[in-house]
Amino acid sequence: QVRLVESGGTLVQAGGSLRLSCAASGRSVSSYAMGWFRQAPGKEREFVSGISWTGSGTYYADSVKGRFTISRDNAKNTVYLQMNSLKFEDTAIYYCAVQGTAYFSTRYYTRESEYDYWGQGTQVTVSS
């Protein structure tokens, strides 16, 4: 079983930056793709960014492309989301997830159903 714990969410002004972290425990996730999703009030959870098991493949939702950067440190079993030029519409609960079924996969995973383990989320609030 994998446990994911996100951190780094807080209140920030529009135009500011935040770095979210997601630490995995229970077993190594270094062989699996990981991703970030978010859910704004009154909206469905949506894909934000994903990263391959090596870290060399990264992909983003159009809404965050050029502003957010995903990375991972497999030695620390941790994935990060650097968020720059934050906008009011980035306000949401951010969740990290692990695709824990296909190891060493180079596919891109953008759907919730493709991920097996989820964290509890961290709140990001951007004031306008």
Foldseek 3Di string as FASTA:
>chain_A
DKAKAKDWADEEAAQAKTKMKIFIDDDQQLQWKKFKWWDDPPGDIFGAKIAGSVRPDIDGDPVQPPFKDKGDDRVRSMIMIIGGNHDQVVWTWMKMFTQPPDTNDPDDDTDPVSTDDMYPTGTHGYHD
